[in-house]
Amino acid sequence: MNTNQCPHCQTILKRVNVEVVDMQLGDSHRKGFTYACPMCHSVLGMQMDPIPLLNNFKEEVIRELCG
């Protein structure tokens, strides 16, 4: 299978549609993204926005280091 081919409609992908979505992680909500085929609109993947996750991690490390 071609790696840039939609697994659902077999269209060769030159671009994908990206949409911001609300993702639930336990009791909290995070911003995320879906990646969809522009032809059949099938979701090809999802990802949480990494920037808030990295910022939270950085704040926790600083808090631990500073006591």
PDB file of N, CA and C in Angstrom:
ATOM      1  N   MET A   1       0.844  -1.190   0.000  1.00  0.00           N
ATOM      2  CA  MET A   1       0.000   0.000   0.000  1.00  0.00           C
ATOM      3  C   MET A   1       0.884   1.246   0.000  1.00  0.00           C
ATOM      4  N   ASN A   2       0.514   2.188  -0.786  1.00  0.00           N
ATOM      5  CA  ASN A   2       1.225   3.464  -0.845  1.00  0.00           C
ATOM      6  C   ASN A   2       1.029   4.198   0.491  1.00  0.00           C
ATOM      7  N   THR A   3       2.083   4.731   1.072  1.00  0.00           N
ATOM      8  CA  THR A   3       1.974   5.369   2.392  1.00  0.00           C
ATOM      9  C   THR A   3       1.207   6.678   2.358  1.00  0.00           C
ATOM     10  N   ASN A   4       1.030   7.280   1.191  1.00  0.00           N
ATOM     11  CA  ASN A   4       0.263   8.516   1.127  1.00  0.00           C
ATOM     12  C   ASN A   4      -1.083   8.278   0.445  1.00  0.00           C
ATOM     13  N   GLN A   5      -1.607   7.070   0.644  1.00  0.00           N
ATOM     14  CA  GLN A   5      -2.882   6.692   0.058  1.00  0.00           C
ATOM     15  C   GLN A   5      -3.900   6.476   1.170  1.00  0.00           C
ATOM     16  N   CYS A   6      -5.097   7.021   0.999  1.00  0.00           N
ATOM     17  CA  CYS A   6      -6.151   6.824   1.997  1.00  0.00           C
ATOM     18  C   CYS A   6      -6.504   5.338   2.064  1.00  0.00           C
ATOM     19  N   PRO A   7      -6.485   4.734   3.249  1.00  0.00           N
ATOM     20  CA  PRO A   7      -6.799   3.313   3.362  1.00  0.00           C
ATOM     21  C   PRO A   7      -8.286   3.016   3.134  1.00  0.00           C
ATOM     22  N   HIS A   8      -9.115   4.053   3.129  1.00  0.00           N
ATOM     23  CA  HIS A   8     -10.557   3.840   2.972  1.00  0.00           C
ATOM     24  C   HIS A   8     -11.016   3.964   1.529  1.00  0.00           C
ATOM     25  N   CYS A   9     -10.611   5.048   0.834  1.00  0.00           N
ATOM     26  CA  CYS A   9     -11.083   5.281  -0.543  1.00  0.00           C
ATOM     27  C   CYS A   9      -9.977   5.128  -1.575  1.00  0.00           C
ATOM     28  N   GLN A  10      -8.747   4.868  -1.131  1.00  0.00           N
ATOM     29  CA  GLN A  10      -7.588   4.622  -1.996  1.00  0.00           C
ATOM     30  C   GLN A  10      -7.097   5.860  -2.746  1.00  0.00           C
ATOM     31  N   THR A  11      -7.599   7.060  -2.409  1.00  0.00           N
ATOM     32  CA  THR A  11      -7.141   8.289  -3.043  1.00  0.00           C
ATOM     33  C   THR A  11      -5.693   8.566  -2.656  1.00  0.00           C
ATOM     34  N   ILE A  12      -4.879   8.971  -3.613  1.00  0.00           N
ATOM     35  CA  ILE A  12      -3.513   9.403  -3.310  1.00  0.00           C
ATOM     36  C   ILE A  12      -3.633  10.774  -2.640  1.00  0.00           C
ATOM     37  N   LEU A  13      -3.065  10.897  -1.453  1.00  0.00           N
ATOM     38  CA  LEU A  13      -3.209  12.118  -0.658  1.00  0.00           C
ATOM     39  C   LEU A  13      -2.072  13.088  -0.925  1.00  0.00           C
ATOM     40  N   LYS A  14      -2.433  14.268  -1.353  1.00  0.00           N
ATOM     41  CA  LYS A  14      -1.488  15.377  -1.497  1.00  0.00           C
ATOM     42  C   LYS A  14      -1.640  16.339  -0.329  1.00  0.00           C
ATOM     43  N   ARG A  15      -2.779  16.236   0.384  1.00  0.00           N
ATOM     44  CA  ARG A  15      -3.055  17.053   1.565  1.00  0.00           C
ATOM     45  C   ARG A  15      -4.085  16.314   2.407  1.00  0.00           C
ATOM     46  N   VAL A  16      -4.231  16.723   3.645  1.00  0.00           N
ATOM     47  CA  VAL A  16      -5.268  16.193   4.526  1.00  0.00           C
ATOM     48  C   VAL A  16      -5.997  17.360   5.174  1.00  0.00           C
ATOM     49  N   ASN A  17      -7.208  17.118   5.606  1.00  0.00           N
ATOM     50  CA  ASN A  17      -7.955  18.128   6.346  1.00  0.00           C
ATOM     51  C   ASN A  17      -7.628  17.985   7.826  1.00  0.00           C
ATOM     52  N   VAL A  18      -7.302  19.095   8.471  1.00  0.00           N
ATOM     53  CA  VAL A  18      -6.996  19.104   9.900  1.00  0.00           C
ATOM     54  C   VAL A  18      -8.101  19.871  10.608  1.00  0.00           C
ATOM     55  N   GLU A  19      -8.623  19.275  11.682  1.00  0.00           N
ATOM     56  CA  GLU A  19      -9.687  19.912  12.450  1.00  0.00           C
ATOM     57  C   GLU A  19      -9.338  19.867  13.929  1.00  0.00           C
ATOM     58  N   VAL A  20      -9.580  20.969  14.624  1.00  0.00           N
ATOM     59  CA  VAL A  20      -9.360  21.024  16.071  1.00  0.00           C
ATOM     60  C   VAL A  20     -10.542  20.345  16.751  1.00  0.00           C
ATOM     61  N   VAL A  21     -10.258  19.462  17.708  1.00  0.00           N
ATOM     62  CA  VAL A  21     -11.301  18.750  18.436  1.00  0.00           C
ATOM     63  C   VAL A  21     -11.012  18.807  19.929  1.00  0.00           C
ATOM     64  N   ASP A  22     -12.040  18.585  20.716  1.00  0.00           N
ATOM     65  CA  ASP A  22     -11.908  18.485  22.166  1.00  0.00           C
ATOM     66  C   ASP A  22     -11.696  17.015  22.501  1.00  0.00           C
ATOM     67  N   MET A  23     -10.609  16.712  23.215  1.00  0.00           N
ATOM     68  CA  MET A  23     -10.310  15.331  23.594  1.00  0.00           C
ATOM     69  C   MET A  23     -10.431  15.206  25.108  1.00  0.00           C
ATOM     70  N   GLN A  24     -11.042  14.132  25.543  1.00  0.00           N
ATOM     71  CA  GLN A  24     -11.212  13.910  26.968  1.00  0.00           C
ATOM     72  C   GLN A  24     -10.134  12.960  27.463  1.00  0.00           C
ATOM     73  N   LEU A  25      -9.446  13.387  28.520  1.00  0.00           N
ATOM     74  CA  LEU A  25      -8.396  12.589  29.139  1.00  0.00           C
ATOM     75  C   LEU A  25      -8.765  12.452  30.608  1.00  0.00           C
ATOM     76  N   GLY A  26      -9.405  11.350  30.969  1.00  0.00           N
ATOM     77  CA  GLY A  26      -9.919  11.205  32.325  1.00  0.00           C
ATOM     78  C   GLY A  26     -11.003  12.242  32.551  1.00  0.00           C
ATOM     79  N   ASP A  27     -10.821  13.055  33.586  1.00  0.00           N
ATOM     80  CA  ASP A  27     -11.786  14.114  33.883  1.00  0.00           C
ATOM     81  C   ASP A  27     -11.436  15.437  33.219  1.00  0.00           C
ATOM     82  N   SER A  28     -10.298  15.506  32.562  1.00  0.00           N
ATOM     83  CA  SER A  28      -9.897  16.772  31.953  1.00  0.00           C
ATOM     84  C   SER A  28     -10.088  16.723  30.435  1.00  0.00           C
ATOM     85  N   HIS A  29     -10.174  17.891  29.859  1.00  0.00           N
ATOM     86  CA  HIS A  29     -10.328  18.017  28.414  1.00  0.00           C
ATOM     87  C   HIS A  29      -9.083  18.698  27.849  1.00  0.00           C
ATOM     88  N   ARG A  30      -8.654  18.230  26.717  1.00  0.00           N
ATOM     89  CA  ARG A  30      -7.485  18.787  26.036  1.00  0.00           C
ATOM     90  C   ARG A  30      -7.849  19.094  24.592  1.00  0.00           C
ATOM     91  N   LYS A  31      -7.115  20.043  24.010  1.00  0.00           N
ATOM     92  CA  LYS A  31      -7.285  20.320  22.590  1.00  0.00           C
ATOM     93  C   LYS A  31      -6.501  19.276  21.804  1.00  0.00           C
ATOM     94  N   GLY A  32      -7.082  18.869  20.698  1.00  0.00           N
ATOM     95  CA  GLY A  32      -6.411  17.906  19.845  1.00  0.00           C
ATOM     96  C   GLY A  32      -6.729  18.180  18.392  1.00  0.00           C
ATOM     97  N   PHE A  33      -6.238  17.310  17.535  1.00  0.00           N
ATOM     98  CA  PHE A  33      -6.413  17.478  16.099  1.00  0.00           C
ATOM     99  C   PHE A  33      -6.817  16.146  15.481  1.00  0.00           C
ATOM    100  N   THR A  34      -7.679  16.211  14.467  1.00  0.00           N
ATOM    101  CA  THR A  34      -7.940  15.040  13.636  1.00  0.00           C
ATOM    102  C   THR A  34      -7.387  15.326  12.255  1.00  0.00           C
ATOM    103  N   TYR A  35      -6.946  14.270  11.598  1.00  0.00           N
ATOM    104  CA  TYR A  35      -6.433  14.340  10.236  1.00  0.00           C
ATOM    105  C   TYR A  35      -7.356  13.473   9.390  1.00  0.00           C
ATOM    106  N   ALA A  36      -8.008  14.072   8.369  1.00  0.00           N
ATOM    107  CA  ALA A  36      -9.003  13.350   7.590  1.00  0.00           C
ATOM    108  C   ALA A  36      -8.723  13.448   6.096  1.00  0.00           C
ATOM    109  N   CYS A  37      -9.159  12.437   5.393  1.00  0.00           N
ATOM    110  CA  CYS A  37      -9.056  12.405   3.934  1.00  0.00           C
ATOM    111  C   CYS A  37      -9.969  13.487   3.358  1.00  0.00           C
ATOM    112  N   PRO A  38      -9.468  14.316   2.452  1.00  0.00           N
ATOM    113  CA  PRO A  38     -10.304  15.360   1.873  1.00  0.00           C
ATOM    114  C   PRO A  38     -11.370  14.824   0.916  1.00  0.00           C
ATOM    115  N   MET A  39     -11.229  13.588   0.467  1.00  0.00           N
ATOM    116  CA  MET A  39     -12.198  13.019  -0.476  1.00  0.00           C
ATOM    117  C   MET A  39     -13.348  12.309   0.242  1.00  0.00           C
ATOM    118  N   CYS A  40     -13.030  11.371   1.151  1.00  0.00           N
ATOM    119  CA  CYS A  40     -14.082  10.580   1.800  1.00  0.00           C
ATOM    120  C   CYS A  40     -14.328  11.000   3.247  1.00  0.00           C
ATOM    121  N   HIS A  41     -13.501  11.920   3.766  1.00  0.00           N
ATOM    122  CA  HIS A  41     -13.625  12.477   5.113  1.00  0.00           C
ATOM    123  C   HIS A  41     -13.397  11.449   6.230  1.00  0.00           C
ATOM    124  N   SER A  42     -12.810  10.312   5.899  1.00  0.00           N
ATOM    125  CA  SER A  42     -12.477   9.325   6.924  1.00  0.00           C
ATOM    126  C   SER A  42     -11.331   9.851   7.776  1.00  0.00           C
ATOM    127  N   VAL A  43     -11.426   9.636   9.071  1.00  0.00           N
ATOM    128  CA  VAL A  43     -10.366  10.073   9.982  1.00  0.00           C
ATOM    129  C   VAL A  43      -9.170   9.140   9.816  1.00  0.00           C
ATOM    130  N   LEU A  44      -8.029   9.741   9.532  1.00  0.00           N
ATOM    131  CA  LEU A  44      -6.798   8.987   9.328  1.00  0.00           C
ATOM    132  C   LEU A  44      -5.970   8.907  10.599  1.00  0.00           C
ATOM    133  N   GLY A  45      -6.191   9.854  11.510  1.00  0.00           N
ATOM    134  CA  GLY A  45      -5.452   9.847  12.756  1.00  0.00           C
ATOM    135  C   GLY A  45      -5.899  10.980  13.655  1.00  0.00           C
ATOM    136  N   MET A  46      -5.487  10.895  14.908  1.00  0.00           N
ATOM    137  CA  MET A  46      -5.780  11.927  15.904  1.00  0.00           C
ATOM    138  C   MET A  46      -4.535  12.158  16.732  1.00  0.00           C
ATOM    139  N   GLN A  47      -4.436  13.351  17.300  1.00  0.00           N
ATOM    140  CA  GLN A  47      -3.280  13.687  18.132  1.00  0.00           C
ATOM    141  C   GLN A  47      -3.681  14.768  19.114  1.00  0.00           C
ATOM    142  N   MET A  48      -3.189  14.640  20.348  1.00  0.00           N
ATOM    143  CA  MET A  48      -3.362  15.726  21.304  1.00  0.00           C
ATOM    144  C   MET A  48      -2.393  16.834  20.960  1.00  0.00           C
ATOM    145  N   ASP A  49      -2.800  18.074  21.206  1.00  0.00           N
ATOM    146  CA  ASP A  49      -1.913  19.216  20.993  1.00  0.00           C
ATOM    147  C   ASP A  49      -0.728  19.063  21.941  1.00  0.00           C
ATOM    148  N   PRO A  50       0.503  18.938  21.440  1.00  0.00           N
ATOM    149  CA  PRO A  50       1.641  18.680  22.315  1.00  0.00           C
ATOM    150  C   PRO A  50       2.095  19.895  23.125  1.00  0.00           C
ATOM    151  N   ILE A  51       1.764  21.108  22.706  1.00  0.00           N
ATOM    152  CA  ILE A  51       2.261  22.304  23.396  1.00  0.00           C
ATOM    153  C   ILE A  51       1.748  22.381  24.837  1.00  0.00           C
ATOM    154  N   PRO A  52       0.440  22.270  25.105  1.00  0.00           N
ATOM    155  CA  PRO A  52       0.000  22.299  26.504  1.00  0.00           C
ATOM    156  C   PRO A  52       0.582  21.150  27.332  1.00  0.00           C
ATOM    157  N   LEU A  53       0.750  19.975  26.725  1.00  0.00           N
ATOM    158  CA  LEU A  53       1.335  18.849  27.456  1.00  0.00           C
ATOM    159  C   LEU A  53       2.773  19.153  27.860  1.00  0.00           C
ATOM    160  N   LEU A  54       3.547  19.729  26.939  1.00  0.00           N
ATOM    161  CA  LEU A  54       4.932  20.084  27.254  1.00  0.00           C
ATOM    162  C   LEU A  54       4.993  21.185  28.310  1.00  0.00           C
ATOM    163  N   ASN A  55       4.094  22.157  28.225  1.00  0.00           N
ATOM    164  CA  ASN A  55       4.066  23.234  29.219  1.00  0.00           C
ATOM    165  C   ASN A  55       3.720  22.686  30.599  1.00  0.00           C
ATOM    166  N   ASN A  56       2.743  21.770  30.682  1.00  0.00           N
ATOM    167  CA  ASN A  56       2.390  21.162  31.971  1.00  0.00           C
ATOM    168  C   ASN A  56       3.568  20.376  32.536  1.00  0.00           C
ATOM    169  N   PHE A  57       4.245  19.629  31.678  1.00  0.00           N
ATOM    170  CA  PHE A  57       5.400  18.860  32.117  1.00  0.00           C
ATOM    171  C   PHE A  57       6.496  19.789  32.641  1.00  0.00           C
ATOM    172  N   LYS A  58       6.764  20.869  31.906  1.00  0.00           N
ATOM    173  CA  LYS A  58       7.786  21.831  32.314  1.00  0.00           C
ATOM    174  C   LYS A  58       7.447  22.431  33.677  1.00  0.00           C
ATOM    175  N   GLU A  59       6.187  22.813  33.886  1.00  0.00           N
ATOM    176  CA  GLU A  59       5.757  23.403  35.149  1.00  0.00           C
ATOM    177  C   GLU A  59       5.926  22.402  36.300  1.00  0.00           C
ATOM    178  N   GLU A  60       5.602  21.128  36.052  1.00  0.00           N
ATOM    179  CA  GLU A  60       5.762  20.100  37.099  1.00  0.00           C
ATOM    180  C   GLU A  60       7.225  19.902  37.447  1.00  0.00           C
ATOM    181  N   VAL A  61       8.111  19.890  36.454  1.00  0.00           N
ATOM    182  CA  VAL A  61       9.546  19.715  36.709  1.00  0.00           C
ATOM    183  C   VAL A  61      10.086  20.900  37.502  1.00  0.00           C
ATOM    184  N   ILE A  62       9.725  22.109  37.118  1.00  0.00           N
ATOM    185  CA  ILE A  62      10.172  23.313  37.837  1.00  0.00           C
ATOM    186  C   ILE A  62       9.672  23.285  39.274  1.00  0.00           C
ATOM    187  N   ARG A  63       8.415  22.895  39.452  1.00  0.00           N
ATOM    188  CA  ARG A  63       7.833  22.821  40.803  1.00  0.00           C
ATOM    189  C   ARG A  63       8.605  21.813  41.663  1.00  0.00           C
ATOM    190  N   GLU A  64       8.959  20.675  41.085  1.00  0.00           N
ATOM    191  CA  GLU A  64       9.702  19.653  41.830  1.00  0.00           C
ATOM    192  C   GLU A  64      11.125  20.123  42.148  1.00  0.00           C
ATOM    193  N   LEU A  65      11.760  20.780  41.201  1.00  0.00           N
ATOM    194  CA  LEU A  65      13.135  21.240  41.432  1.00  0.00           C
ATOM    195  C   LEU A  65      13.212  22.358  42.450  1.00  0.00           C
ATOM    196  N   CYS A  66      12.189  23.220  42.464  1.00  0.00           N
ATOM    197  CA  CYS A  66      12.184  24.353  43.395  1.00  0.00           C
ATOM    198  C   CYS A  66      11.651  23.973  44.769  1.00  0.00           C
ATOM    199  N   GLY A  67      11.085  22.811  44.881  1.00  0.00           N
ATOM    200  CA  GLY A  67      10.590  22.355  46.189  1.00  0.00           C
ATOM    201  C   GLY A  67       9.255  22.891  46.466  1.00  0.00           C
TER     202      GLY A  67
END
